[in-house]
Amino acid sequence: MRILFILFSTLLIAQDKKNKFDPNKLIDPEPRWPIISSPLNPENFLIINNSLDSTQIIIEGFRVQLLATKQLTNAEKLQKELMKSLNQKIYIIFEAPNYKVRIGNFIDRKKAENYRQEMIKGGYSSAWIIRTRIEPIIE
């Protein structure tokens, strides 16, 4: 009986010490939602990238892709080989799970197609054109 009395009195004391919760006094911070933009929005065709260089402009264009591989070393090896013989910028782009070797910054698809044909004649039979953001040469 004594144990029951101690247990009951402990519960009563614990109930008195509880703080009452008032949800009206709760202040939650505003959530930080991501900004979602449509790829079809005309504003996305011209992007000024201020984070790296205030003069760098990135627009939609074309590149010629020569390789997609899961091994970074294979992509870097091809990039080094191409840098010896070509006068174009060569990019390694990672899009999970592949590293992709791409060449050039073409605004005109026809110029990209001509360059793709040159790459095919040079032994890269699987070269194809990719529509992507490019860095145009500003003179």
N, C-alpha and C. Protein backbone atom coordinates (compact mmCIF):
# COMPACT_ATOMS: atom_id res chain seq x y z
N MET A 1 0.82 -1.18 0.00
CA MET A 1 0.00 0.00 0.00
C MET A 1 0.88 1.26 0.00
N ARG A 2 1.97 1.16 0.75
CA ARG A 2 2.86 2.30 0.84
C ARG A 2 3.50 2.60 -0.53
N ILE A 3 3.84 1.56 -1.26
CA ILE A 3 4.43 1.73 -2.59
C ILE A 3 3.43 2.40 -3.52
N LEU A 4 2.19 2.03 -3.43
CA LEU A 4 1.15 2.63 -4.26
C LEU A 4 1.00 4.11 -3.93
N PHE A 5 1.09 4.46 -2.64
CA PHE A 5 0.98 5.85 -2.21
C PHE A 5 2.15 6.67 -2.77
N ILE A 6 3.37 6.11 -2.74
CA ILE A 6 4.55 6.82 -3.23
C ILE A 6 4.44 7.01 -4.75
N LEU A 7 4.00 6.01 -5.43
CA LEU A 7 3.84 6.09 -6.88
C LEU A 7 2.81 7.15 -7.25
N PHE A 8 1.68 7.16 -6.56
CA PHE A 8 0.61 8.11 -6.83
C PHE A 8 1.06 9.54 -6.53
N SER A 9 1.76 9.74 -5.44
CA SER A 9 2.21 11.09 -5.08
C SER A 9 3.29 11.58 -6.05
N THR A 10 4.13 10.69 -6.55
CA THR A 10 5.15 11.06 -7.54
C THR A 10 4.48 11.53 -8.82
N LEU A 11 3.44 10.85 -9.22
CA LEU A 11 2.71 11.24 -10.42
C LEU A 11 2.07 12.61 -10.26
N LEU A 12 1.51 12.89 -9.08
CA LEU A 12 0.89 14.19 -8.84
C LEU A 12 1.92 15.31 -8.88
N ILE A 13 3.08 15.08 -8.30
CA ILE A 13 4.13 16.09 -8.29
C ILE A 13 4.64 16.33 -9.72
N ALA A 14 4.80 15.26 -10.49
CA ALA A 14 5.27 15.39 -11.86
C ALA A 14 4.27 16.16 -12.71
N GLN A 15 2.97 15.98 -12.47
CA GLN A 15 1.94 16.70 -13.22
C GLN A 15 2.01 18.20 -12.93
N ASP A 16 2.33 18.58 -11.70
CA ASP A 16 2.40 19.99 -11.35
C ASP A 16 3.58 20.68 -12.01
N LYS A 17 4.67 19.95 -12.27
CA LYS A 17 5.88 20.55 -12.83
C LYS A 17 5.83 20.67 -14.36
N LYS A 18 4.86 20.10 -15.01
CA LYS A 18 4.77 20.18 -16.47
C LYS A 18 4.48 21.60 -16.92
N ASN A 19 5.17 22.04 -17.97
CA ASN A 19 4.89 23.34 -18.56
C ASN A 19 3.74 23.18 -19.53
N LYS A 20 2.90 24.18 -19.56
CA LYS A 20 1.79 24.14 -20.51
C LYS A 20 2.27 24.70 -21.84
N PHE A 21 1.95 24.00 -22.90
CA PHE A 21 2.38 24.39 -24.25
C PHE A 21 1.29 25.22 -24.89
N ASP A 22 1.67 26.42 -25.36
CA ASP A 22 0.75 27.30 -26.06
C ASP A 22 1.21 27.43 -27.51
N PRO A 23 0.53 26.80 -28.47
CA PRO A 23 0.98 26.84 -29.86
C PRO A 23 0.93 28.25 -30.46
N ASN A 24 0.15 29.14 -29.88
CA ASN A 24 0.08 30.51 -30.39
C ASN A 24 1.36 31.28 -30.12
N LYS A 25 2.14 30.86 -29.15
CA LYS A 25 3.40 31.54 -28.82
C LYS A 25 4.59 30.96 -29.59
N LEU A 26 4.35 29.89 -30.33
CA LEU A 26 5.42 29.25 -31.10
C LEU A 26 5.73 30.08 -32.34
N ILE A 27 7.01 30.36 -32.56
CA ILE A 27 7.43 31.14 -33.73
C ILE A 27 8.35 30.25 -34.56
N ASP A 28 7.83 29.78 -35.67
CA ASP A 28 8.62 28.97 -36.60
C ASP A 28 9.26 29.87 -37.64
N PRO A 29 10.51 29.57 -38.02
CA PRO A 29 11.12 30.36 -39.10
C PRO A 29 10.46 30.02 -40.43
N GLU A 30 10.46 31.00 -41.33
CA GLU A 30 9.91 30.77 -42.66
C GLU A 30 10.76 29.74 -43.40
N PRO A 31 10.15 28.78 -44.07
CA PRO A 31 10.95 27.80 -44.82
C PRO A 31 11.64 28.47 -46.01
N ARG A 32 12.82 27.96 -46.36
CA ARG A 32 13.57 28.48 -47.50
C ARG A 32 13.33 27.54 -48.68
N TRP A 33 12.34 27.86 -49.48
CA TRP A 33 11.98 27.01 -50.61
C TRP A 33 12.95 27.24 -51.76
N PRO A 34 13.25 26.20 -52.54
CA PRO A 34 14.14 26.39 -53.70
C PRO A 34 13.42 27.17 -54.79
N ILE A 35 14.19 27.90 -55.57
CA ILE A 35 13.63 28.62 -56.71
C ILE A 35 13.57 27.66 -57.88
N ILE A 36 12.39 27.48 -58.41
CA ILE A 36 12.19 26.55 -59.52
C ILE A 36 11.91 27.37 -60.77
N SER A 37 12.70 27.11 -61.80
CA SER A 37 12.48 27.83 -63.06
C SER A 37 12.31 26.82 -64.18
N SER A 38 11.51 27.19 -65.12
CA SER A 38 11.23 26.32 -66.26
C SER A 38 12.34 26.44 -67.28
N PRO A 39 12.80 25.31 -67.87
CA PRO A 39 13.82 25.41 -68.90
C PRO A 39 13.29 26.11 -70.17
N LEU A 40 11.97 26.23 -70.29
CA LEU A 40 11.38 26.88 -71.46
C LEU A 40 11.24 28.39 -71.26
N ASN A 41 11.56 28.88 -70.07
CA ASN A 41 11.48 30.31 -69.78
C ASN A 41 12.55 31.04 -70.59
N PRO A 42 12.19 32.06 -71.37
CA PRO A 42 13.17 32.77 -72.19
C PRO A 42 14.30 33.40 -71.38
N GLU A 43 14.05 33.71 -70.12
CA GLU A 43 15.10 34.29 -69.28
C GLU A 43 16.25 33.31 -69.05
N ASN A 44 16.00 32.00 -69.21
CA ASN A 44 17.04 31.00 -68.98
C ASN A 44 18.00 30.85 -70.16
N PHE A 45 17.68 31.47 -71.29
CA PHE A 45 18.55 31.35 -72.43
C PHE A 45 19.78 32.23 -72.32
N LEU A 46 19.70 33.27 -71.53
CA LEU A 46 20.85 34.15 -71.31
C LEU A 46 21.06 34.27 -69.81
N ILE A 47 22.17 33.75 -69.34
CA ILE A 47 22.47 33.74 -67.92
C ILE A 47 23.80 34.43 -67.70
N ILE A 48 23.80 35.42 -66.83
CA ILE A 48 25.05 36.07 -66.48
C ILE A 48 25.51 35.44 -65.18
N ASN A 49 26.67 34.81 -65.22
CA ASN A 49 27.20 34.09 -64.07
C ASN A 49 28.13 35.01 -63.29
N ASN A 50 27.62 35.61 -62.23
CA ASN A 50 28.41 36.56 -61.44
C ASN A 50 29.30 35.89 -60.42
N SER A 51 29.10 34.61 -60.16
CA SER A 51 29.86 33.96 -59.11
C SER A 51 31.33 33.77 -59.48
N LEU A 52 31.65 33.57 -60.75
CA LEU A 52 33.03 33.33 -61.15
C LEU A 52 33.69 34.57 -61.73
N ASP A 53 33.01 35.21 -62.66
CA ASP A 53 33.59 36.34 -63.35
C ASP A 53 32.43 37.22 -63.83
N SER A 54 32.47 38.46 -63.52
CA SER A 54 31.34 39.32 -63.85
C SER A 54 31.17 39.52 -65.35
N THR A 55 32.17 39.18 -66.14
CA THR A 55 32.06 39.35 -67.59
C THR A 55 31.71 38.06 -68.31
N GLN A 56 31.57 36.97 -67.60
CA GLN A 56 31.30 35.69 -68.24
C GLN A 56 29.82 35.56 -68.55
N ILE A 57 29.50 35.28 -69.80
CA ILE A 57 28.11 35.10 -70.22
C ILE A 57 27.96 33.66 -70.69
N ILE A 58 26.90 33.03 -70.25
CA ILE A 58 26.63 31.64 -70.65
C ILE A 58 25.29 31.61 -71.35
N ILE A 59 25.26 31.01 -72.55
CA ILE A 59 24.02 30.91 -73.32
C ILE A 59 23.81 29.48 -73.78
N GLU A 60 22.63 29.22 -74.35
CA GLU A 60 22.33 27.90 -74.89
C GLU A 60 23.03 27.74 -76.23
N GLY A 61 23.61 26.58 -76.44
CA GLY A 61 24.30 26.30 -77.70
C GLY A 61 24.55 24.82 -77.85
N PHE A 62 25.66 24.47 -78.51
CA PHE A 62 25.95 23.08 -78.84
C PHE A 62 27.41 22.75 -78.56
N ARG A 63 27.65 21.50 -78.21
CA ARG A 63 28.99 20.95 -78.11
C ARG A 63 28.97 19.57 -78.77
N VAL A 64 30.16 19.11 -79.16
CA VAL A 64 30.28 17.78 -79.74
C VAL A 64 30.81 16.86 -78.64
N GLN A 65 30.06 15.80 -78.38
CA GLN A 65 30.48 14.84 -77.35
C GLN A 65 31.15 13.66 -78.02
N LEU A 66 32.32 13.29 -77.48
CA LEU A 66 33.09 12.19 -78.05
C LEU A 66 33.05 10.93 -77.21
N LEU A 67 32.84 11.08 -75.89
CA LEU A 67 32.96 9.93 -75.01
C LEU A 67 32.08 10.09 -73.79
N ALA A 68 31.51 8.99 -73.34
CA ALA A 68 30.83 8.91 -72.04
C ALA A 68 31.37 7.66 -71.37
N THR A 69 31.99 7.83 -70.21
CA THR A 69 32.61 6.72 -69.51
C THR A 69 32.41 6.84 -68.01
N LYS A 70 32.44 5.73 -67.32
CA LYS A 70 32.32 5.75 -65.86
C LYS A 70 33.66 5.99 -65.18
N GLN A 71 34.74 5.94 -65.96
CA GLN A 71 36.09 6.10 -65.42
C GLN A 71 36.63 7.50 -65.72
N LEU A 72 36.91 8.28 -64.69
CA LEU A 72 37.46 9.61 -64.87
C LEU A 72 38.81 9.56 -65.57
N THR A 73 39.60 8.54 -65.28
CA THR A 73 40.93 8.44 -65.90
C THR A 73 40.82 8.31 -67.42
N ASN A 74 39.81 7.59 -67.91
CA ASN A 74 39.61 7.46 -69.37
C ASN A 74 39.26 8.81 -69.99
N ALA A 75 38.41 9.57 -69.31
CA ALA A 75 38.02 10.88 -69.81
C ALA A 75 39.21 11.83 -69.82
N GLU A 76 40.01 11.82 -68.76
CA GLU A 76 41.19 12.69 -68.68
C GLU A 76 42.23 12.32 -69.73
N LYS A 77 42.37 11.02 -69.99
CA LYS A 77 43.33 10.56 -71.00
C LYS A 77 42.94 11.09 -72.38
N LEU A 78 41.65 10.98 -72.72
CA LEU A 78 41.18 11.48 -74.01
C LEU A 78 41.34 13.00 -74.09
N GLN A 79 41.04 13.69 -73.01
CA GLN A 79 41.18 15.14 -72.98
C GLN A 79 42.63 15.55 -73.27
N LYS A 80 43.59 14.88 -72.65
CA LYS A 80 45.01 15.20 -72.88
C LYS A 80 45.41 14.93 -74.32
N GLU A 81 44.93 13.83 -74.89
CA GLU A 81 45.24 13.51 -76.30
C GLU A 81 44.69 14.58 -77.23
N LEU A 82 43.45 15.01 -76.97
CA LEU A 82 42.81 16.00 -77.83
C LEU A 82 43.44 17.37 -77.70
N MET A 83 43.90 17.72 -76.51
CA MET A 83 44.51 19.03 -76.30
C MET A 83 45.78 19.20 -77.12
N LYS A 84 46.45 18.11 -77.43
CA LYS A 84 47.68 18.17 -78.23
C LYS A 84 47.40 18.56 -79.68
N SER A 85 46.24 18.15 -80.19
CA SER A 85 46.00 18.32 -81.63
C SER A 85 44.87 19.27 -82.00
N LEU A 86 44.00 19.64 -81.07
CA LEU A 86 42.84 20.46 -81.42
C LEU A 86 42.95 21.87 -80.85
N ASN A 87 42.34 22.79 -81.56
CA ASN A 87 42.30 24.18 -81.12
C ASN A 87 40.89 24.52 -80.62
N GLN A 88 40.37 23.71 -79.74
CA GLN A 88 39.03 23.91 -79.17
C GLN A 88 39.11 23.68 -77.67
N LYS A 89 38.17 24.26 -76.93
CA LYS A 89 38.08 23.98 -75.50
C LYS A 89 37.52 22.57 -75.33
N ILE A 90 38.12 21.80 -74.43
CA ILE A 90 37.69 20.42 -74.19
C ILE A 90 37.22 20.34 -72.75
N TYR A 91 36.00 19.86 -72.57
CA TYR A 91 35.37 19.83 -71.25
C TYR A 91 35.16 18.39 -70.81
N ILE A 92 35.33 18.15 -69.51
CA ILE A 92 34.90 16.89 -68.90
C ILE A 92 33.75 17.26 -67.99
N ILE A 93 32.58 16.72 -68.30
CA ILE A 93 31.36 17.01 -67.56
C ILE A 93 30.96 15.73 -66.83
N PHE A 94 30.62 15.84 -65.54
CA PHE A 94 30.14 14.68 -64.80
C PHE A 94 28.63 14.76 -64.69
N GLU A 95 27.95 13.78 -65.26
CA GLU A 95 26.51 13.59 -65.11
C GLU A 95 26.36 12.14 -64.69
N ALA A 96 26.01 11.93 -63.43
CA ALA A 96 26.01 10.60 -62.83
C ALA A 96 25.34 9.59 -63.73
N PRO A 97 25.94 8.46 -63.96
CA PRO A 97 27.20 7.97 -63.41
C PRO A 97 28.39 8.16 -64.35
N ASN A 98 28.26 9.02 -65.38
CA ASN A 98 29.27 9.09 -66.43
C ASN A 98 30.04 10.40 -66.46
N TYR A 99 31.30 10.29 -66.89
CA TYR A 99 32.12 11.44 -67.23
C TYR A 99 32.03 11.58 -68.75
N LYS A 100 31.73 12.79 -69.21
CA LYS A 100 31.52 13.00 -70.63
C LYS A 100 32.55 14.00 -71.16
N VAL A 101 33.18 13.65 -72.28
CA VAL A 101 34.17 14.52 -72.91
C VAL A 101 33.47 15.25 -74.05
N ARG A 102 33.44 16.59 -73.93
CA ARG A 102 32.76 17.42 -74.92
C ARG A 102 33.72 18.50 -75.42
N ILE A 103 33.49 18.89 -76.67
CA ILE A 103 34.38 19.87 -77.32
C ILE A 103 33.56 21.02 -77.87
N GLY A 104 34.11 22.23 -77.71
CA GLY A 104 33.61 23.40 -78.41
C GLY A 104 32.51 24.17 -77.71
N ASN A 105 32.26 25.34 -78.27
CA ASN A 105 31.18 26.24 -77.87
C ASN A 105 30.57 26.79 -79.15
N PHE A 106 29.57 26.08 -79.66
CA PHE A 106 28.96 26.45 -80.94
C PHE A 106 27.59 27.04 -80.71
N ILE A 107 27.37 28.23 -81.23
CA ILE A 107 26.05 28.84 -81.16
C ILE A 107 25.17 28.28 -82.27
N ASP A 108 25.78 28.02 -83.41
CA ASP A 108 25.08 27.53 -84.60
C ASP A 108 25.19 26.01 -84.68
N ARG A 109 24.07 25.33 -84.81
CA ARG A 109 24.09 23.86 -84.90
C ARG A 109 24.82 23.38 -86.15
N LYS A 110 24.71 24.15 -87.23
CA LYS A 110 25.38 23.74 -88.47
C LYS A 110 26.89 23.68 -88.28
N LYS A 111 27.46 24.65 -87.56
CA LYS A 111 28.90 24.64 -87.29
C LYS A 111 29.26 23.45 -86.40
N ALA A 112 28.39 23.13 -85.45
CA ALA A 112 28.63 21.97 -84.59
C ALA A 112 28.58 20.69 -85.42
N GLU A 113 27.66 20.62 -86.37
CA GLU A 113 27.55 19.45 -87.24
C GLU A 113 28.79 19.30 -88.12
N ASN A 114 29.30 20.41 -88.64
CA ASN A 114 30.53 20.37 -89.45
C ASN A 114 31.70 19.87 -88.61
N TYR A 115 31.78 20.34 -87.37
CA TYR A 115 32.87 19.91 -86.50
C TYR A 115 32.72 18.42 -86.14
N ARG A 116 31.47 17.99 -85.94
CA ARG A 116 31.21 16.56 -85.66
C ARG A 116 31.69 15.70 -86.82
N GLN A 117 31.45 16.15 -88.05
CA GLN A 117 31.90 15.41 -89.24
C GLN A 117 33.43 15.34 -89.28
N GLU A 118 34.09 16.43 -88.89
CA GLU A 118 35.56 16.41 -88.81
C GLU A 118 36.04 15.39 -87.78
N MET A 119 35.36 15.32 -86.66
CA MET A 119 35.75 14.37 -85.61
C MET A 119 35.53 12.93 -86.07
N ILE A 120 34.47 12.69 -86.82
CA ILE A 120 34.21 11.35 -87.35
C ILE A 120 35.32 10.96 -88.33
N LYS A 121 35.71 11.91 -89.20
CA LYS A 121 36.82 11.64 -90.12
C LYS A 121 38.12 11.41 -89.38
N GLY A 122 38.26 12.02 -88.20
CA GLY A 122 39.46 11.85 -87.39
C GLY A 122 39.47 10.57 -86.57
N GLY A 123 38.44 9.75 -86.71
CA GLY A 123 38.43 8.46 -86.03
C GLY A 123 37.47 8.35 -84.85
N TYR A 124 36.71 9.39 -84.58
CA TYR A 124 35.74 9.35 -83.47
C TYR A 124 34.36 9.11 -84.04
N SER A 125 34.10 7.87 -84.41
CA SER A 125 32.86 7.54 -85.13
C SER A 125 31.60 7.70 -84.29
N SER A 126 31.73 7.74 -82.98
CA SER A 126 30.54 7.87 -82.14
C SER A 126 30.30 9.31 -81.69
N ALA A 127 30.92 10.29 -82.33
CA ALA A 127 30.73 11.69 -81.97
C ALA A 127 29.28 12.10 -82.24
N TRP A 128 28.71 12.88 -81.33
CA TRP A 128 27.36 13.38 -81.53
C TRP A 128 27.23 14.76 -80.91
N ILE A 129 26.16 15.45 -81.29
CA ILE A 129 25.95 16.84 -80.86
C ILE A 129 25.06 16.87 -79.63
N ILE A 130 25.45 17.71 -78.68
CA ILE A 130 24.70 17.89 -77.44
C ILE A 130 24.26 19.34 -77.34
N ARG A 131 22.99 19.55 -77.06
CA ARG A 131 22.51 20.91 -76.78
C ARG A 131 22.76 21.17 -75.30
N THR A 132 23.47 22.26 -74.99
CA THR A 132 23.86 22.55 -73.62
C THR A 132 24.16 24.03 -73.47
N ARG A 133 24.45 24.44 -72.27
CA ARG A 133 24.91 25.81 -72.04
C ARG A 133 26.36 25.90 -72.47
N ILE A 134 26.68 26.99 -73.16
CA ILE A 134 28.03 27.18 -73.65
C ILE A 134 28.58 28.52 -73.21
N GLU A 135 29.88 28.69 -73.42
CA GLU A 135 30.56 29.94 -73.15
C GLU A 135 30.97 30.55 -74.49
N PRO A 136 30.23 31.50 -75.00
CA PRO A 136 30.61 32.07 -76.31
C PRO A 136 31.87 32.90 -76.18
N ILE A 137 32.62 32.98 -77.26
CA ILE A 137 33.83 33.79 -77.29
C ILE A 137 33.42 35.23 -77.50
N ILE A 138 33.79 36.07 -76.54
CA ILE A 138 33.43 37.49 -76.61
C ILE A 138 34.65 38.27 -77.07
N GLU A 139 34.49 38.99 -78.15
CA GLU A 139 35.62 39.75 -78.70
C GLU A 139 35.49 41.21 -78.38
